[in-house]
Protein backbone atom coordinates (compact mmCIF):
# COMPACT_ATOMS: atom_id res chain seq x y z
CA MET A 1 -78.77 -20.74 291.03
CA TRP A 2 -76.64 -18.15 292.85
CA PRO A 3 -74.30 -17.54 289.86
CA PHE A 4 -77.28 -16.63 287.70
CA LEU A 5 -78.63 -14.23 290.31
CA LEU A 6 -75.19 -12.69 290.76
CA TRP A 7 -74.79 -12.30 286.98
CA ILE A 8 -78.22 -10.66 286.63
CA ALA A 9 -77.55 -8.37 289.61
CA ILE A 10 -74.26 -7.15 288.09
CA LEU A 11 -75.96 -6.56 284.74
CA ALA A 12 -78.78 -4.62 286.43
CA VAL A 13 -76.32 -2.40 288.31
CA ALA A 14 -74.39 -1.79 285.08
CA GLY A 15 -77.59 -0.71 283.36
CA LEU A 16 -78.56 1.60 286.19
CA VAL A 17 -75.24 3.43 286.40
CA TYR A 18 -74.67 3.73 282.63
CA PRO A 19 -76.14 7.18 281.96
CA ARG A 20 -74.07 8.90 284.67
CA GLN A 21 -71.00 6.66 284.96
CA PRO A 22 -70.15 4.88 281.69
CA ARG A 23 -66.68 3.81 282.88
CA THR A 24 -68.19 2.05 285.90
CA THR A 25 -70.49 0.27 283.50
CA ALA A 26 -67.48 -0.73 281.41
CA ALA A 27 -65.74 -2.18 284.46
CA LEU A 28 -68.89 -4.10 285.37
CA PHE A 29 -69.06 -5.48 281.81
CA VAL A 30 -65.50 -6.78 282.20
CA VAL A 31 -66.55 -8.39 285.50
CA LEU A 32 -69.56 -9.98 283.72
CA GLY A 33 -67.30 -11.38 281.03
CA THR A 34 -64.85 -12.78 283.56
CA LEU A 35 -67.70 -14.34 285.55
CA SER A 36 -69.17 -15.83 282.36
CA ILE A 37 -65.86 -17.43 281.43
CA ILE A 38 -65.35 -18.81 284.94
CA LEU A 39 -68.86 -20.24 284.99
CA ALA A 40 -68.47 -21.71 281.51
CA PHE A 41 -65.39 -23.66 282.51
CA THR A 42 -66.61 -24.77 285.93
CA HIS A 43 -70.33 -25.49 285.65
CA ASN A 44 -71.21 -26.50 282.09
CA ALA A 45 -69.36 -29.83 281.85
CA GLY A 46 -67.74 -29.23 278.48
CA ASN A 47 -70.14 -26.68 276.98
CA HIS A 48 -67.88 -23.66 276.53
CA LEU A 49 -70.30 -21.41 274.64
CA GLY A 50 -70.40 -19.21 277.75
CA ALA A 51 -66.71 -18.48 277.20
CA ALA A 52 -67.53 -16.85 273.86
CA ALA A 53 -70.22 -14.79 275.55
CA GLY A 54 -67.69 -13.83 278.22
CA VAL A 55 -65.28 -12.61 275.57
CA PHE A 56 -68.09 -10.47 274.12
CA TRP A 57 -68.74 -8.79 277.49
CA ILE A 58 -65.02 -8.18 278.06
CA VAL A 59 -64.57 -6.63 274.60
CA LEU A 60 -67.67 -4.47 275.13
CA GLY A 61 -66.31 -3.30 278.48
CA ILE A 62 -62.90 -2.47 277.04
CA TRP A 63 -64.52 -0.61 274.14
CA TYR A 64 -66.51 1.52 276.61
CA LEU A 65 -63.37 2.19 278.65
CA VAL A 66 -61.59 3.42 275.54
CA LYS A 67 -64.60 5.38 274.28
CA TYR A 68 -65.05 7.28 277.55
CA ARG A 69 -61.40 7.66 278.55
CA THR A 70 -61.36 11.46 278.31
CA PRO A 71 -63.30 13.77 280.64
CA ASP A 72 -64.64 15.62 277.60
CA ALA A 73 -66.20 12.45 276.16
CA ARG A 74 -67.77 11.60 279.52
CA ALA A 75 -69.14 15.13 279.95
CA LYS A 76 -70.61 15.07 276.45
CA HIS A 77 -72.24 11.71 277.20
CA VAL A 78 -73.78 12.91 280.48
CA GLU A 79 -74.97 16.12 278.81
CA TYR A 80 -76.70 14.08 276.09
CA TRP A 81 -78.45 11.83 278.62
CA THR A 82 -79.54 14.66 280.92
CA ALA A 83 -80.89 16.67 277.97
CA ASN A 84 -83.06 13.69 276.98
CA ALA A 85 -84.39 13.14 280.48
């Protein structure tokens, strides 16, 4: 039960910090993917579908890290979100 709660808590924090800190969200997505892969290989007794989901979260996190690598891209993103608020 605790891994599920931990996974949901990390996802909630990633969603809350996304508008202001997209790179933090990206790092949390990589953590989610790593946690998913670890849980898939330790708790599911042969069902490794969670590993594919983990790869998805890792790729999503890396994509966000690359997308928001420059200060200009991050400033543009924050400006867009604050203008819509």
